[in-house]
């Protein structure tokens, strides 16, 4: 089975941003111990290097520059969707416990904070890679 997000038209930033969201934190998206939630810079670096090695040729300079921001944006959007669903009575996302979507939202917002705190380093890395 393939998720429709995989085949729908859209910006490459959706996919890259979701890779950052799901692939850089050592904690699951519903972690309740928020001190465990953070973006591992080395994982971001590996994702960025790999992505640019294959997609860098068809992205323009502005699209490349927005890659780090896309991780923050998609994580914030998903966190907001979890929070909205929680406030709406958990109608959209399946839950496995009470306050599950609230826990997910908190975890995603914590990850946004971590991404935000590393944004300067992320942009520097992008520019260093793009020079080569």
N, C-alpha and C. Protein backbone atom coordinates (compact mmCIF):
# COMPACT_ATOMS: atom_id res chain seq x y z
N UNK A 1 0.84 -1.17 0.00
CA UNK A 1 0.00 0.00 0.00
C UNK A 1 0.89 1.24 0.00
N UNK A 2 0.52 2.25 -0.77
CA UNK A 2 1.28 3.49 -0.87
C UNK A 2 0.42 4.63 -0.36
N UNK A 3 0.98 5.44 0.51
CA UNK A 3 0.30 6.64 1.01
C UNK A 3 0.14 7.63 -0.14
N UNK A 4 -1.01 8.25 -0.25
CA UNK A 4 -1.24 9.20 -1.34
C UNK A 4 -0.30 10.39 -1.30
N UNK A 5 0.19 10.75 -0.11
CA UNK A 5 1.18 11.84 -0.03
C UNK A 5 2.41 11.52 -0.88
N UNK A 6 2.70 10.25 -1.02
CA UNK A 6 3.88 9.83 -1.77
C UNK A 6 3.76 10.13 -3.26
N UNK A 7 2.56 10.04 -3.78
CA UNK A 7 2.38 10.19 -5.23
C UNK A 7 1.68 11.48 -5.65
N UNK A 8 1.26 12.29 -4.69
CA UNK A 8 0.58 13.52 -5.07
C UNK A 8 1.58 14.58 -5.51
N UNK A 9 1.16 15.48 -6.38
CA UNK A 9 2.07 16.56 -6.77
C UNK A 9 2.32 17.50 -5.60
N UNK A 10 3.49 18.05 -5.55
CA UNK A 10 3.82 18.98 -4.47
C UNK A 10 5.28 19.37 -4.53
N UNK A 11 5.66 20.17 -3.60
CA UNK A 11 7.04 20.63 -3.53
C UNK A 11 7.95 19.58 -2.91
N UNK A 12 9.21 19.54 -3.33
CA UNK A 12 10.14 18.60 -2.70
C UNK A 12 10.33 18.89 -1.21
N UNK A 13 10.01 20.10 -0.80
CA UNK A 13 10.16 20.48 0.61
C UNK A 13 9.22 19.70 1.52
N UNK A 14 8.08 19.26 1.00
CA UNK A 14 7.18 18.45 1.82
C UNK A 14 7.87 17.15 2.21
N UNK A 15 8.48 16.50 1.24
CA UNK A 15 9.13 15.23 1.50
C UNK A 15 10.38 15.41 2.35
N UNK A 16 11.21 16.39 2.00
CA UNK A 16 12.43 16.60 2.78
C UNK A 16 12.07 17.01 4.21
N UNK A 17 11.12 17.91 4.36
CA UNK A 17 10.72 18.34 5.69
C UNK A 17 10.20 17.20 6.54
N UNK A 18 9.44 16.30 5.93
CA UNK A 18 8.93 15.15 6.68
C UNK A 18 10.05 14.17 7.02
N UNK A 19 11.05 14.07 6.16
CA UNK A 19 12.22 13.24 6.51
C UNK A 19 12.93 13.82 7.73
N UNK A 20 13.07 15.13 7.78
CA UNK A 20 13.69 15.77 8.94
C UNK A 20 12.85 15.49 10.19
N UNK A 21 11.55 15.64 10.06
CA UNK A 21 10.65 15.43 11.20
C UNK A 21 10.73 14.01 11.74
N UNK A 22 10.72 13.04 10.84
CA UNK A 22 10.65 11.64 11.27
C UNK A 22 12.01 10.99 11.47
N UNK A 23 13.05 11.55 10.85
CA UNK A 23 14.33 10.86 10.86
C UNK A 23 15.43 11.45 11.71
N UNK A 24 15.18 12.59 12.33
CA UNK A 24 16.29 13.21 13.06
C UNK A 24 16.15 13.15 14.58
N UNK A 25 14.98 12.86 15.08
CA UNK A 25 14.80 12.77 16.53
C UNK A 25 14.96 11.32 16.97
N UNK A 26 15.66 11.10 18.09
CA UNK A 26 15.78 9.73 18.58
C UNK A 26 14.49 9.23 19.24
N UNK A 27 13.55 10.13 19.47
CA UNK A 27 12.32 9.79 20.17
C UNK A 27 11.17 9.60 19.18
N UNK A 28 10.20 8.78 19.54
CA UNK A 28 9.02 8.64 18.68
C UNK A 28 8.19 9.92 18.68
N UNK A 29 7.31 10.05 17.70
CA UNK A 29 6.56 11.30 17.56
C UNK A 29 5.57 11.53 18.70
N UNK A 30 5.32 10.53 19.52
CA UNK A 30 4.40 10.70 20.65
C UNK A 30 5.10 10.60 22.00
N UNK A 31 6.40 10.87 22.01
CA UNK A 31 7.19 10.79 23.25
C UNK A 31 6.62 11.74 24.30
N UNK A 32 6.45 11.23 25.51
CA UNK A 32 5.94 12.07 26.60
C UNK A 32 7.07 12.67 27.44
N UNK A 33 8.24 12.09 27.39
CA UNK A 33 9.40 12.65 28.10
C UNK A 33 10.11 13.59 27.13
N UNK A 34 9.71 14.85 27.18
CA UNK A 34 10.13 15.80 26.15
C UNK A 34 11.62 16.06 26.13
N UNK A 35 12.31 15.77 27.22
CA UNK A 35 13.77 15.94 27.22
C UNK A 35 14.45 14.98 26.24
N UNK A 36 13.75 13.95 25.81
CA UNK A 36 14.29 13.00 24.83
C UNK A 36 14.13 13.48 23.39
N UNK A 37 13.31 14.51 23.19
CA UNK A 37 12.98 14.97 21.84
C UNK A 37 13.94 16.08 21.43
N UNK A 38 14.66 15.84 20.36
CA UNK A 38 15.56 16.85 19.80
C UNK A 38 15.99 16.42 18.40
N UNK A 39 16.44 17.39 17.63
CA UNK A 39 16.97 17.07 16.31
C UNK A 39 18.45 16.73 16.45
N UNK A 40 18.81 15.54 15.99
CA UNK A 40 20.22 15.16 15.97
C UNK A 40 20.84 15.75 14.71
N UNK A 41 21.76 16.67 14.92
CA UNK A 41 22.35 17.39 13.79
C UNK A 41 23.03 16.43 12.81
N UNK A 42 23.67 15.40 13.33
CA UNK A 42 24.37 14.47 12.44
C UNK A 42 23.39 13.73 11.53
N UNK A 43 22.18 13.49 12.01
CA UNK A 43 21.16 12.86 11.17
C UNK A 43 20.67 13.85 10.11
N UNK A 44 20.50 15.11 10.50
CA UNK A 44 20.12 16.12 9.52
C UNK A 44 21.19 16.23 8.45
N UNK A 45 22.44 16.24 8.86
CA UNK A 45 23.54 16.34 7.89
C UNK A 45 23.51 15.18 6.90
N UNK A 46 23.31 13.97 7.40
CA UNK A 46 23.25 12.80 6.51
C UNK A 46 22.07 12.91 5.54
N UNK A 47 20.92 13.33 6.03
CA UNK A 47 19.75 13.50 5.16
C UNK A 47 20.01 14.56 4.10
N UNK A 48 20.57 15.69 4.52
CA UNK A 48 20.81 16.78 3.58
C UNK A 48 21.83 16.38 2.52
N UNK A 49 22.93 15.77 2.94
CA UNK A 49 23.95 15.36 1.97
C UNK A 49 23.38 14.34 0.98
N UNK A 50 22.67 13.36 1.49
CA UNK A 50 22.08 12.36 0.61
C UNK A 50 21.05 12.94 -0.34
N UNK A 51 20.21 13.80 0.18
CA UNK A 51 19.17 14.40 -0.64
C UNK A 51 19.77 15.27 -1.74
N UNK A 52 20.72 16.12 -1.37
CA UNK A 52 21.33 17.00 -2.37
C UNK A 52 22.16 16.23 -3.39
N UNK A 53 22.71 15.08 -3.00
CA UNK A 53 23.49 14.29 -3.96
C UNK A 53 22.62 13.79 -5.11
N UNK A 54 21.34 13.60 -4.86
CA UNK A 54 20.43 13.11 -5.90
C UNK A 54 19.51 14.20 -6.44
N UNK A 55 19.05 15.11 -5.59
CA UNK A 55 18.06 16.11 -6.01
C UNK A 55 18.66 17.49 -6.23
N UNK A 56 19.90 17.68 -5.82
CA UNK A 56 20.51 19.00 -5.92
C UNK A 56 20.56 19.56 -7.32
N UNK A 57 20.62 18.69 -8.32
CA UNK A 57 20.71 19.14 -9.70
C UNK A 57 19.45 19.77 -10.25
N UNK A 58 18.29 19.43 -9.69
CA UNK A 58 17.06 20.02 -10.23
C UNK A 58 16.44 21.07 -9.31
N UNK A 59 17.07 21.33 -8.16
CA UNK A 59 16.58 22.38 -7.27
C UNK A 59 17.30 23.69 -7.58
N UNK A 60 16.56 24.79 -7.61
CA UNK A 60 17.22 26.07 -7.81
C UNK A 60 17.77 26.57 -6.46
N UNK A 61 18.46 27.67 -6.47
CA UNK A 61 19.13 28.18 -5.26
C UNK A 61 18.13 28.46 -4.14
N UNK A 62 17.00 29.04 -4.47
CA UNK A 62 15.99 29.35 -3.45
C UNK A 62 15.41 28.07 -2.86
N UNK A 63 15.14 27.09 -3.70
CA UNK A 63 14.60 25.81 -3.20
C UNK A 63 15.60 25.14 -2.26
N UNK A 64 16.87 25.18 -2.60
CA UNK A 64 17.89 24.60 -1.72
C UNK A 64 17.92 25.34 -0.39
N UNK A 65 17.90 26.66 -0.45
CA UNK A 65 17.99 27.48 0.76
C UNK A 65 16.82 27.21 1.72
N UNK A 66 15.69 26.78 1.19
CA UNK A 66 14.51 26.53 2.01
C UNK A 66 14.47 25.12 2.60
N UNK A 67 15.40 24.25 2.22
CA UNK A 67 15.37 22.88 2.74
C UNK A 67 15.43 22.82 4.27
N UNK A 68 16.37 23.51 4.93
CA UNK A 68 16.37 23.44 6.40
C UNK A 68 15.06 23.94 7.02
N UNK A 69 14.53 25.03 6.48
CA UNK A 69 13.28 25.57 6.99
C UNK A 69 12.13 24.58 6.82
N UNK A 70 12.18 23.77 5.77
CA UNK A 70 11.08 22.84 5.52
C UNK A 70 10.92 21.84 6.66
N UNK A 71 12.02 21.45 7.30
CA UNK A 71 11.91 20.55 8.45
C UNK A 71 11.14 21.18 9.59
N UNK A 72 11.44 22.43 9.84
CA UNK A 72 10.73 23.17 10.89
C UNK A 72 9.25 23.34 10.52
N UNK A 73 8.99 23.74 9.29
CA UNK A 73 7.62 24.01 8.86
C UNK A 73 6.75 22.76 8.91
N UNK A 74 7.22 21.67 8.33
CA UNK A 74 6.41 20.45 8.29
C UNK A 74 6.17 19.93 9.71
N UNK A 75 7.18 20.01 10.57
CA UNK A 75 7.02 19.57 11.96
C UNK A 75 5.98 20.43 12.67
N UNK A 76 6.02 21.73 12.44
CA UNK A 76 5.03 22.63 13.04
C UNK A 76 3.63 22.33 12.51
N UNK A 77 3.52 22.09 11.22
CA UNK A 77 2.21 21.78 10.62
C UNK A 77 1.64 20.49 11.22
N UNK A 78 2.46 19.46 11.30
CA UNK A 78 1.98 18.18 11.84
C UNK A 78 1.62 18.33 13.31
N UNK A 79 2.44 19.05 14.07
CA UNK A 79 2.12 19.31 15.47
C UNK A 79 0.79 20.03 15.62
N UNK A 80 0.56 21.00 14.77
CA UNK A 80 -0.70 21.75 14.79
C UNK A 80 -1.88 20.84 14.42
N UNK A 81 -1.66 19.94 13.47
CA UNK A 81 -2.72 19.00 13.10
C UNK A 81 -3.05 18.06 14.26
N UNK A 82 -2.01 17.58 14.97
CA UNK A 82 -2.25 16.73 16.15
C UNK A 82 -3.03 17.50 17.21
N UNK A 83 -2.63 18.74 17.47
CA UNK A 83 -3.31 19.55 18.48
C UNK A 83 -4.76 19.83 18.07
N UNK A 84 -4.96 20.18 16.82
CA UNK A 84 -6.31 20.44 16.32
C UNK A 84 -7.19 19.21 16.46
N UNK A 85 -6.63 18.03 16.14
CA UNK A 85 -7.40 16.80 16.25
C UNK A 85 -7.73 16.52 17.71
N UNK A 86 -6.78 16.74 18.60
CA UNK A 86 -7.04 16.55 20.03
C UNK A 86 -8.20 17.45 20.48
N UNK A 87 -8.15 18.72 20.09
CA UNK A 87 -9.20 19.67 20.49
C UNK A 87 -10.54 19.35 19.85
N UNK A 88 -10.50 18.64 18.72
CA UNK A 88 -11.72 18.26 18.00
C UNK A 88 -12.23 16.88 18.41
N UNK A 89 -11.67 16.31 19.45
CA UNK A 89 -12.15 15.02 19.93
C UNK A 89 -11.51 13.82 19.28
N UNK A 90 -10.31 13.99 18.75
CA UNK A 90 -9.55 12.86 18.17
C UNK A 90 -10.33 12.16 17.06
N UNK A 91 -10.75 12.93 16.09
CA UNK A 91 -11.55 12.39 14.99
C UNK A 91 -10.72 11.88 13.82
N UNK A 92 -9.52 12.41 13.62
CA UNK A 92 -8.76 12.10 12.40
C UNK A 92 -7.66 11.07 12.66
N UNK A 93 -6.75 11.37 13.56
CA UNK A 93 -5.64 10.45 13.84
C UNK A 93 -6.09 9.41 14.86
N UNK A 94 -5.73 8.16 14.59
CA UNK A 94 -6.04 7.09 15.54
C UNK A 94 -5.22 7.32 16.81
N UNK A 95 -5.84 7.05 17.93
CA UNK A 95 -5.14 7.21 19.21
C UNK A 95 -5.06 5.88 19.92
N UNK A 96 -4.04 5.74 20.75
CA UNK A 96 -3.85 4.52 21.51
C UNK A 96 -3.99 4.72 23.00
N UNK A 97 -4.21 5.98 23.40
CA UNK A 97 -4.34 6.28 24.82
C UNK A 97 -5.00 7.66 24.96
N UNK A 98 -5.42 7.97 26.16
CA UNK A 98 -5.98 9.28 26.45
C UNK A 98 -4.89 10.33 26.23
N UNK A 99 -5.24 11.43 25.61
CA UNK A 99 -4.32 12.55 25.34
C UNK A 99 -3.21 12.21 24.35
N UNK A 100 -3.39 11.15 23.58
CA UNK A 100 -2.35 10.72 22.65
C UNK A 100 -2.00 11.83 21.66
N UNK A 101 -3.00 12.44 21.06
CA UNK A 101 -2.72 13.52 20.10
C UNK A 101 -2.13 14.75 20.77
N UNK A 102 -2.49 15.01 22.00
CA UNK A 102 -1.87 16.12 22.74
C UNK A 102 -0.40 15.81 22.99
N UNK A 103 -0.08 14.58 23.36
CA UNK A 103 1.32 14.17 23.53
C UNK A 103 2.08 14.31 22.21
N UNK A 104 1.47 13.90 21.13
CA UNK A 104 2.10 14.03 19.81
C UNK A 104 2.38 15.50 19.50
N UNK A 105 1.40 16.35 19.75
CA UNK A 105 1.58 17.78 19.47
C UNK A 105 2.73 18.35 20.30
N UNK A 106 2.75 18.05 21.58
CA UNK A 106 3.83 18.56 22.44
C UNK A 106 5.19 18.09 21.95
N UNK A 107 5.27 16.84 21.56
CA UNK A 107 6.54 16.30 21.07
C UNK A 107 6.98 17.00 19.79
N UNK A 108 6.04 17.22 18.89
CA UNK A 108 6.38 17.90 17.64
C UNK A 108 6.80 19.35 17.89
N UNK A 109 6.13 20.03 18.81
CA UNK A 109 6.50 21.42 19.11
C UNK A 109 7.88 21.49 19.78
N UNK A 110 8.21 20.48 20.58
CA UNK A 110 9.55 20.42 21.17
C UNK A 110 10.59 20.22 20.07
N UNK A 111 10.28 19.39 19.10
CA UNK A 111 11.20 19.18 17.98
C UNK A 111 11.37 20.47 17.17
N UNK A 112 10.30 21.22 16.99
CA UNK A 112 10.39 22.51 16.30
C UNK A 112 11.38 23.42 17.03
N UNK A 113 11.29 23.46 18.36
CA UNK A 113 12.22 24.29 19.14
C UNK A 113 13.66 23.87 18.89
N UNK A 114 13.90 22.57 18.86
CA UNK A 114 15.25 22.07 18.64
C UNK A 114 15.75 22.42 17.24
N UNK A 115 14.90 22.25 16.25
CA UNK A 115 15.28 22.61 14.88
C UNK A 115 15.59 24.09 14.81
N UNK A 116 14.72 24.89 15.41
CA UNK A 116 14.90 26.35 15.41
C UNK A 116 16.23 26.74 16.03
N UNK A 117 16.60 26.08 17.12
CA UNK A 117 17.84 26.43 17.82
C UNK A 117 19.08 26.06 17.01
N UNK A 118 18.92 25.19 16.01
CA UNK A 118 20.05 24.75 15.19
C UNK A 118 20.01 25.30 13.76
N UNK A 119 19.07 26.19 13.50
CA UNK A 119 18.85 26.67 12.13
C UNK A 119 20.09 27.32 11.53
N UNK A 120 20.81 28.13 12.30
CA UNK A 120 22.01 28.77 11.75
C UNK A 120 23.03 27.73 11.29
N UNK A 121 23.23 26.70 12.10
CA UNK A 121 24.18 25.64 11.74
C UNK A 121 23.68 24.85 10.53
N UNK A 122 22.38 24.66 10.44
CA UNK A 122 21.80 23.94 9.31
C UNK A 122 22.02 24.71 8.02
N UNK A 123 21.80 26.02 8.07
CA UNK A 123 22.01 26.85 6.88
C UNK A 123 23.48 26.92 6.50
N UNK A 124 24.35 26.99 7.49
CA UNK A 124 25.80 27.00 7.20
C UNK A 124 26.20 25.70 6.52
N UNK A 125 25.72 24.58 7.03
CA UNK A 125 26.01 23.28 6.41
C UNK A 125 25.53 23.26 4.97
N UNK A 126 24.32 23.70 4.74
CA UNK A 126 23.77 23.73 3.38
C UNK A 126 24.68 24.54 2.46
N UNK A 127 25.08 25.70 2.89
CA UNK A 127 25.92 26.56 2.05
C UNK A 127 27.28 25.94 1.82
N UNK A 128 27.83 25.28 2.83
CA UNK A 128 29.12 24.60 2.67
C UNK A 128 29.02 23.46 1.66
N UNK A 129 27.96 22.68 1.75
CA UNK A 129 27.76 21.57 0.81
C UNK A 129 27.54 22.11 -0.60
N UNK A 130 26.77 23.16 -0.71
CA UNK A 130 26.41 23.70 -2.02
C UNK A 130 27.59 24.34 -2.74
N UNK A 131 28.62 24.74 -2.00
CA UNK A 131 29.82 25.34 -2.61
C UNK A 131 30.62 24.30 -3.39
N UNK A 132 30.52 23.06 -2.95
CA UNK A 132 31.35 21.99 -3.53
C UNK A 132 30.84 21.54 -4.87
